[in-house]
Amino acid sequence: MTAEPAVGLKALHSRRGWIGVGAATLIVGVIVPLLSVAVPASSPLHVPDYLVALLGKFLCYGIVALAIDLIWGFTGILSLGHGVFFALGGYAMGMYLMLSIGAQGVYKSVLPDFMVFLDWKELPWFWRGFDNLSVALAAALLVPGLLAFAFGYFAFRSRIRGVYFSIITQALTYALMLLFFRNETGFGGNNGLTDFKSLYGYDLHEPSTKVALYVLSALGLLLTYLLCRFIVTSKAGRVLRAIRDVESRAMFVGFNPTSYKLFAWTLSAILCGLAGALYVPQVGIINPGEMQPANSIEMAIWVAVGGRATLFGAILGAFLVNGMRSFFTAAMPNAWLYILGSLFIAVTLFFPDGVAGALGRLKRKS
């Protein structure tokens, strides 16, 4: 009985792999927060508040990259619409944060400022209950999950696959982006939801709150990684890879590809919703721009650059591409899109298995 957990752990990772996971968790989840709160600002080792918030965003992007790697790298389904699930999770959290403002807004009303500006007299029915954090968190997971399930159910049953599936996912995110841009939809229109004050009573502008959100994001990334790792090393993961490689053979030996693809697709959307809910309190805004198709395409690029079907590579790609984005949008803002396009082309031509695959080859040669 006592040997079974060890077998399960070994199935997830080798001893060296667990050491790597532990080291990364220690650095990201413990050392960085300590360098922010326990080291004086005058010290060169101090991690400033703005960097904590930036790294917190990257952690959320890492969760999104894992979600896309699960559906693309291991199941062979390229989605160009995962930005919509990320944004829906963000809007659910944003609604809670807007209601938390209360009468502290510009118009001193219990209604959100944009509703007062539009001369709304009462809170819309779909906003009710979002003054409760538990309801907001549940919606951040369930709304993207239910949308993905409904969309995937009809798409997979209709045997839509390949580039056609990618196109309709992009159409989905574009359609919802246009819907959320409309003021009458009730989500703040073009400006979205912003000017948040507090989360569960804690001031969002306090350094301690920023560090706490960063730690929650790190924990969310760790749990997401372990969940995805558990899935891909299980029997279900082997079936997903079989569907990715030769779907007709998987069907011939008795597996139902539709059920497995729907499971991976829905879980992937839920994970994106979680990332969006963690992201919004740290950046202080959510608007329809998060749903634009270019964002979803860039998310796929993170995974391609890092390395598909590796999980670790997906996280690495999210950090690498977004780190470059932060640098080049400040140093050469007009050149960033050209750099991103060149990076994707270079990876496709010279490193088709991404940075993780290139590192693996170097390790084997040494």
Protein backbone atom coordinates (compact mmCIF):
# COMPACT_ATOMS: atom_id res chain seq x y z
CA MET A 1 0.00 0.00 0.00
CA THR A 2 2.78 2.45 0.86
CA ALA A 3 4.58 1.86 -2.46
CA GLU A 4 1.66 2.99 -4.65
CA PRO A 5 2.11 6.76 -4.24
CA ALA A 6 5.78 6.46 -5.15
CA VAL A 7 4.83 4.59 -8.32
CA GLY A 8 2.38 7.34 -9.19
CA LEU A 9 4.99 10.04 -8.65
CA LYS A 10 7.53 8.19 -10.78
CA ALA A 11 4.93 7.91 -13.50
CA LEU A 12 4.62 11.68 -13.60
CA HIS A 13 8.34 12.45 -13.56
CA SER A 14 11.73 10.92 -13.11
CA ARG A 15 13.73 11.84 -10.02
CA ARG A 16 15.63 14.44 -12.04
CA GLY A 17 12.35 15.82 -13.35
CA TRP A 18 10.95 16.23 -9.83
CA ILE A 19 14.14 18.01 -8.79
CA GLY A 20 13.66 20.42 -11.69
CA VAL A 21 10.01 21.05 -10.77
CA GLY A 22 10.97 21.59 -7.13
CA ALA A 23 13.78 23.98 -8.02
CA ALA A 24 11.56 26.01 -10.34
CA THR A 25 8.83 26.16 -7.69
CA LEU A 26 11.33 27.29 -5.05
CA ILE A 27 12.72 30.06 -7.25
CA VAL A 28 9.44 31.32 -8.67
CA GLY A 29 7.12 30.74 -5.75
CA VAL A 30 9.36 31.43 -2.76
CA ILE A 31 12.58 33.25 -3.58
CA VAL A 32 11.09 35.92 -5.87
CA PRO A 33 8.35 36.91 -3.36
CA LEU A 34 10.90 37.00 -0.54
CA LEU A 35 13.20 39.23 -2.58
CA SER A 36 10.26 41.58 -3.03
CA VAL A 37 8.92 41.80 0.55
CA ALA A 38 11.96 41.00 2.72
CA VAL A 39 14.81 42.73 0.86
CA PRO A 40 15.12 46.54 1.14
CA ALA A 41 14.41 48.57 -1.99
CA SER A 42 17.97 49.91 -1.86
CA SER A 43 19.41 46.42 -2.34
CA PRO A 44 20.34 45.26 -5.86
CA LEU A 45 18.60 41.95 -5.03
CA HIS A 46 15.26 43.65 -4.40
CA VAL A 47 12.47 42.69 -6.84
CA PRO A 48 10.39 45.86 -7.43
CA ASP A 49 6.60 45.91 -7.47
CA TYR A 50 6.34 46.47 -11.21
CA LEU A 51 8.46 43.38 -11.88
CA VAL A 52 6.33 41.28 -9.52
CA ALA A 53 3.23 42.33 -11.47
CA LEU A 54 4.97 41.61 -14.79
CA LEU A 55 6.11 38.15 -13.69
CA GLY A 56 2.60 37.50 -12.36
CA LYS A 57 1.26 38.17 -15.86
CA PHE A 58 3.81 35.75 -17.30
CA LEU A 59 2.69 33.07 -14.85
CA CYS A 60 -0.89 33.50 -16.07
CA TYR A 61 0.32 33.27 -19.65
CA GLY A 62 2.11 30.05 -18.67
CA ILE A 63 -1.24 28.53 -17.64
CA VAL A 64 -2.70 29.51 -21.02
CA ALA A 65 0.29 27.97 -22.81
CA LEU A 66 -0.20 24.69 -20.92
CA ALA A 67 -3.88 24.70 -21.88
CA ILE A 68 -3.04 25.17 -25.56
CA ASP A 69 -0.28 22.55 -25.44
CA LEU A 70 -2.77 20.04 -24.03
CA ILE A 71 -5.17 20.53 -26.91
CA TRP A 72 -2.65 21.21 -29.70
CA GLY A 73 0.55 19.44 -28.75
CA PHE A 74 -1.04 16.29 -27.34
CA THR A 75 -4.38 16.13 -29.17
CA GLY A 76 -3.45 17.71 -32.49
CA ILE A 77 -6.18 20.38 -32.46
CA LEU A 78 -4.91 23.87 -33.26
CA SER A 79 -7.12 26.51 -31.67
CA LEU A 80 -6.87 30.12 -32.75
CA GLY A 81 -9.57 31.24 -30.36
CA HIS A 82 -8.36 30.49 -26.85
CA GLY A 83 -8.13 34.20 -26.16
CA VAL A 84 -11.91 34.25 -25.76
CA PHE A 85 -11.82 31.74 -22.89
CA PHE A 86 -9.04 33.71 -21.23
CA ALA A 87 -11.06 36.92 -21.57
CA LEU A 88 -14.29 35.36 -20.26
CA GLY A 89 -12.48 34.26 -17.10
CA GLY A 90 -11.11 37.77 -16.81
CA TYR A 91 -14.51 39.37 -17.24
CA ALA A 92 -16.00 37.17 -14.51
CA MET A 93 -13.33 38.37 -12.08
CA GLY A 94 -13.64 41.93 -13.39
CA MET A 95 -17.36 41.97 -12.62
CA TYR A 96 -16.65 41.04 -9.02
CA LEU A 97 -13.95 43.72 -8.76
CA MET A 98 -16.27 46.37 -10.25
CA LEU A 99 -19.00 45.59 -7.73
CA SER A 100 -16.41 45.65 -4.94
CA ILE A 101 -15.79 49.34 -5.70
CA GLY A 102 -19.24 50.18 -4.31
CA ALA A 103 -19.74 53.92 -3.85
CA GLN A 104 -16.02 54.69 -4.24
CA GLY A 105 -16.43 55.26 -7.98
CA VAL A 106 -16.46 58.60 -9.78
CA TYR A 107 -20.25 58.91 -9.58
CA LYS A 108 -20.51 57.65 -5.97
CA SER A 109 -23.10 55.09 -7.03
CA VAL A 110 -23.44 51.41 -6.17
CA LEU A 111 -23.66 50.82 -9.91
CA PRO A 112 -20.40 50.62 -11.88
CA ASP A 113 -19.39 53.99 -13.32
CA PHE A 114 -19.96 52.99 -16.95
CA MET A 115 -23.55 52.00 -16.15
CA VAL A 116 -24.20 55.38 -14.50
CA PHE A 117 -22.66 57.12 -17.52
CA LEU A 118 -24.99 55.18 -19.83
CA ASP A 119 -27.95 56.13 -17.60
CA TRP A 120 -28.70 52.57 -16.48
CA LYS A 121 -31.03 52.50 -13.49
CA GLU A 122 -30.35 49.06 -12.08
CA LEU A 123 -27.88 46.23 -12.23
CA PRO A 124 -28.51 43.82 -15.15
CA TRP A 125 -29.73 40.36 -14.15
CA PHE A 126 -26.52 38.65 -15.34
CA TRP A 127 -24.46 40.81 -12.95
CA ARG A 128 -26.37 39.66 -9.90
CA GLY A 129 -24.43 37.44 -7.57
CA PHE A 130 -21.06 38.70 -8.77
CA ASP A 131 -20.59 40.63 -5.55
CA ASN A 132 -19.63 37.22 -4.15
CA LEU A 133 -16.07 36.09 -4.89
CA SER A 134 -17.05 32.41 -4.93
CA VAL A 135 -19.68 33.07 -7.60
CA ALA A 136 -17.16 35.04 -9.68
CA LEU A 137 -14.54 32.28 -9.44
CA ALA A 138 -17.10 29.62 -10.34
CA ALA A 139 -18.23 31.68 -13.35
CA ALA A 140 -14.60 32.21 -14.42
CA LEU A 141 -14.28 28.43 -14.78
CA LEU A 142 -17.80 27.38 -15.76
CA VAL A 143 -18.62 29.99 -18.41
CA PRO A 144 -15.56 29.25 -20.60
CA GLY A 145 -16.03 25.53 -19.93
CA LEU A 146 -19.70 25.50 -20.93
CA LEU A 147 -19.05 27.61 -24.04
CA ALA A 148 -16.20 25.30 -25.05
CA PHE A 149 -18.28 22.19 -24.40
CA ALA A 150 -21.19 23.45 -26.53
CA PHE A 151 -18.89 24.64 -29.31
CA GLY A 152 -16.78 21.48 -29.27
CA TYR A 153 -19.78 19.14 -29.07
CA PHE A 154 -21.16 20.31 -32.40
CA ALA A 155 -17.76 20.83 -34.05
CA PHE A 156 -16.32 17.42 -33.15
CA ARG A 157 -19.56 15.55 -33.87
CA SER A 158 -19.53 17.18 -37.29
CA ARG A 159 -15.98 15.87 -37.82
CA ILE A 160 -14.60 19.37 -38.31
CA ARG A 161 -10.82 19.20 -38.01
CA GLY A 162 -7.56 20.66 -39.19
CA VAL A 163 -7.45 24.16 -40.62
CA TYR A 164 -11.25 24.34 -40.77
CA PHE A 165 -11.49 23.96 -37.00
CA SER A 166 -8.81 26.63 -36.53
CA ILE A 167 -10.76 29.03 -38.73
CA ILE A 168 -14.05 28.61 -36.87
CA THR A 169 -12.33 29.09 -33.50
CA GLN A 170 -10.95 32.35 -34.81
CA ALA A 171 -14.42 33.30 -36.02
CA LEU A 172 -15.78 32.56 -32.54
CA THR A 173 -13.38 34.90 -30.78
CA TYR A 174 -13.90 37.62 -33.38
CA ALA A 175 -17.69 37.43 -33.05
CA LEU A 176 -17.56 37.64 -29.25
CA MET A 177 -15.08 40.51 -29.43
CA LEU A 178 -17.55 42.51 -31.55
CA LEU A 179 -20.35 41.62 -29.13
CA PHE A 180 -18.41 42.81 -26.08
CA PHE A 181 -17.48 46.06 -27.83
CA ARG A 182 -21.16 47.09 -27.80
CA ASN A 183 -22.20 49.26 -24.85
CA GLU A 184 -25.63 47.67 -24.60
CA THR A 185 -24.06 44.28 -23.92
CA GLY A 186 -23.37 45.44 -20.37
CA PHE A 187 -19.64 44.81 -20.06
CA GLY A 188 -18.22 48.30 -20.38
CA GLY A 189 -18.00 48.44 -24.17
CA ASN A 190 -14.70 49.55 -25.67
CA ASN A 191 -13.23 50.58 -22.30
CA GLY A 192 -14.12 47.33 -20.59
CA LEU A 193 -13.89 47.01 -16.83
CA THR A 194 -11.18 48.91 -14.94
CA ASP A 195 -10.33 51.21 -12.02
CA PHE A 196 -10.49 48.32 -9.56
CA LYS A 197 -9.92 49.16 -5.89
CA SER A 198 -9.80 45.98 -3.83
CA LEU A 199 -10.03 42.20 -3.89
CA TYR A 200 -11.81 40.55 -0.98
CA GLY A 201 -11.13 43.64 1.11
CA TYR A 202 -7.42 43.89 0.24
CA ASP A 203 -6.18 47.00 -1.56
CA LEU A 204 -4.97 46.01 -5.02
CA HIS A 205 -2.39 48.79 -4.99
CA GLU A 206 -0.64 47.53 -1.88
CA PRO A 207 2.68 45.74 -2.55
CA SER A 208 1.65 42.89 -0.23
CA THR A 209 -1.51 42.29 -2.28
CA LYS A 210 0.51 42.23 -5.50
CA VAL A 211 2.89 39.66 -4.03
CA ALA A 212 -0.04 37.56 -2.79
CA LEU A 213 -1.59 37.56 -6.27
CA TYR A 214 1.78 36.63 -7.73
CA VAL A 215 2.06 33.66 -5.35
CA LEU A 216 -1.49 32.56 -6.21
CA SER A 217 -0.56 32.70 -9.90
CA ALA A 218 2.57 30.63 -9.25
CA LEU A 219 0.49 28.08 -7.35
CA GLY A 220 -2.07 28.05 -10.17
CA LEU A 221 0.68 27.39 -12.72
CA LEU A 222 2.17 24.59 -10.63
CA LEU A 223 -1.19 22.86 -10.12
CA THR A 224 -2.06 23.28 -13.80
CA TYR A 225 1.27 21.75 -14.81
CA LEU A 226 0.80 18.78 -12.47
CA LEU A 227 -2.76 18.24 -13.72
CA CYS A 228 -1.68 18.32 -17.37
CA ARG A 229 1.29 16.09 -16.59
CA PHE A 230 -1.01 13.60 -14.87
CA ILE A 231 -3.33 13.55 -17.89
CA VAL A 232 -0.68 13.15 -20.58
CA THR A 233 1.11 10.35 -18.70
CA SER A 234 -2.15 8.45 -18.10
CA LYS A 235 -4.01 6.08 -20.39
CA ALA A 236 -6.17 9.01 -21.50
CA GLY A 237 -3.02 10.87 -22.54
CA ARG A 238 -1.88 7.94 -24.66
CA VAL A 239 -5.28 7.91 -26.36
CA LEU A 240 -5.04 11.65 -27.00
CA ARG A 241 -1.66 11.16 -28.69
CA ALA A 242 -3.09 8.31 -30.74
CA ILE A 243 -5.91 10.57 -31.89
CA ARG A 244 -3.35 13.25 -32.73
CA ASP A 245 -1.24 10.88 -34.81
CA VAL A 246 -3.80 8.61 -36.51
CA GLU A 247 -7.37 9.30 -35.44
CA SER A 248 -8.87 6.64 -37.72
CA ARG A 249 -6.80 3.89 -36.08
CA ALA A 250 -7.78 5.04 -32.60
CA MET A 251 -11.41 4.80 -33.67
CA PHE A 252 -10.82 1.38 -35.25
CA VAL A 253 -9.52 -0.15 -31.99
CA GLY A 254 -12.59 1.01 -30.09
CA PHE A 255 -11.93 4.51 -28.76
CA ASN A 256 -14.35 7.38 -29.33
CA PRO A 257 -12.23 10.33 -30.50
CA THR A 258 -15.10 12.79 -30.05
CA SER A 259 -15.32 12.15 -26.29
CA TYR A 260 -11.58 12.43 -25.73
CA LYS A 261 -11.24 15.57 -27.84
CA LEU A 262 -14.22 17.16 -26.12
CA PHE A 263 -12.70 16.40 -22.71
CA ALA A 264 -9.32 17.95 -23.61
CA TRP A 265 -10.93 20.92 -25.35
CA THR A 266 -13.26 21.74 -22.43
CA LEU A 267 -10.54 21.34 -19.80
CA SER A 268 -8.25 23.56 -21.86
CA ALA A 269 -10.90 26.30 -21.89
CA ILE A 270 -11.43 26.02 -18.12
CA LEU A 271 -7.70 26.43 -17.53
CA CYS A 272 -7.70 29.56 -19.70
CA GLY A 273 -10.59 30.91 -17.63
CA LEU A 274 -8.54 30.33 -14.48
CA ALA A 275 -5.62 32.20 -16.03
CA GLY A 276 -7.88 35.13 -16.95
CA ALA A 277 -9.28 35.34 -13.42
CA LEU A 278 -5.76 35.51 -11.97
CA TYR A 279 -4.59 37.96 -14.64
CA VAL A 280 -7.17 40.74 -14.26
CA PRO A 281 -6.48 41.80 -10.64
CA GLN A 282 -2.80 42.11 -11.49
CA VAL A 283 -3.15 44.23 -14.63
CA GLY A 284 -6.16 46.24 -13.44
CA ILE A 285 -8.24 46.06 -16.62
CA ILE A 286 -10.13 43.70 -18.90
CA ASN A 287 -11.58 44.83 -22.23
CA PRO A 288 -12.62 43.28 -25.57
CA GLY A 289 -9.10 43.79 -26.89
CA GLU A 290 -8.14 40.59 -25.07
CA MET A 291 -10.44 38.74 -27.48
CA GLN A 292 -8.91 40.00 -30.68
CA PRO A 293 -7.78 37.15 -32.97
CA ALA A 294 -4.17 38.36 -32.94
CA ASN A 295 -3.93 37.55 -29.22
CA SER A 296 -5.07 33.97 -29.77
CA ILE A 297 -2.59 33.54 -32.61
CA GLU A 298 0.19 34.83 -30.38
CA MET A 299 -0.79 32.30 -27.71
CA ALA A 300 -0.27 29.51 -30.22
CA ILE A 301 3.12 31.02 -31.10
CA TRP A 302 4.18 30.73 -27.43
CA VAL A 303 3.67 26.98 -27.60
CA ALA A 304 5.31 26.62 -31.02
CA VAL A 305 8.38 28.55 -29.87
CA GLY A 306 8.69 26.67 -26.59
CA GLY A 307 7.99 23.25 -28.04
CA ARG A 308 4.74 21.38 -28.52
CA ALA A 309 3.85 18.26 -26.53
CA THR A 310 6.40 19.03 -23.82
CA LEU A 311 4.43 21.11 -21.25
CA PHE A 312 7.66 22.57 -19.90
CA GLY A 313 8.38 23.98 -23.35
CA ALA A 314 4.98 25.67 -23.46
CA ILE A 315 5.71 27.52 -20.21
CA LEU A 316 9.20 28.40 -21.45
CA GLY A 317 7.76 29.75 -24.70
CA ALA A 318 5.23 31.92 -22.86
CA PHE A 319 7.96 33.45 -20.70
CA LEU A 320 10.41 33.83 -23.59
CA VAL A 321 8.05 35.47 -26.08
CA ASN A 322 6.42 37.76 -23.53
CA GLY A 323 9.79 38.71 -22.09
CA MET A 324 10.92 39.70 -25.57
CA ARG A 325 7.66 41.54 -26.10
CA SER A 326 8.14 43.57 -22.92
CA PHE A 327 11.67 44.50 -23.98
CA PHE A 328 11.07 45.28 -27.65
CA THR A 329 7.78 47.16 -27.21
CA ALA A 330 9.73 49.54 -24.98
CA ALA A 331 12.97 49.65 -26.98
CA MET A 332 11.58 49.33 -30.54
CA PRO A 333 7.77 49.44 -30.40
CA ASN A 334 7.27 49.59 -34.17
CA ALA A 335 9.47 46.56 -34.77
CA TRP A 336 7.88 44.08 -32.35
CA LEU A 337 5.41 42.50 -34.78
CA TYR A 338 8.18 41.99 -37.33
CA ILE A 339 10.36 40.41 -34.66
CA LEU A 340 7.51 38.12 -33.56
CA GLY A 341 6.84 37.05 -37.14
CA SER A 342 10.52 36.42 -37.79
CA LEU A 343 10.79 34.42 -34.58
CA PHE A 344 7.88 32.19 -35.56
CA ILE A 345 9.28 31.63 -39.07
CA ALA A 346 12.75 30.83 -37.70
CA VAL A 347 11.35 28.33 -35.21
CA THR A 348 9.20 26.69 -37.90
CA LEU A 349 12.12 26.34 -40.32
CA PHE A 350 15.04 25.56 -38.02
CA PHE A 351 13.57 24.40 -34.69
CA PRO A 352 10.26 22.67 -35.50
CA ASP A 353 10.22 21.08 -32.05
CA GLY A 354 10.82 24.44 -30.36
CA VAL A 355 13.34 25.60 -27.80
CA ALA A 356 12.65 22.60 -25.54
CA GLY A 357 13.42 20.21 -28.39
CA ALA A 358 16.63 22.06 -29.25
CA LEU A 359 17.74 21.94 -25.62
CA GLY A 360 16.96 18.22 -25.52
CA ARG A 361 19.15 17.58 -28.57
CA LEU A 362 22.03 19.54 -27.05
CA LYS A 363 21.69 17.57 -23.83
CA ARG A 364 21.80 14.24 -25.68
CA LYS A 365 24.89 15.27 -27.65
CA SER A 366 26.71 16.29 -24.49
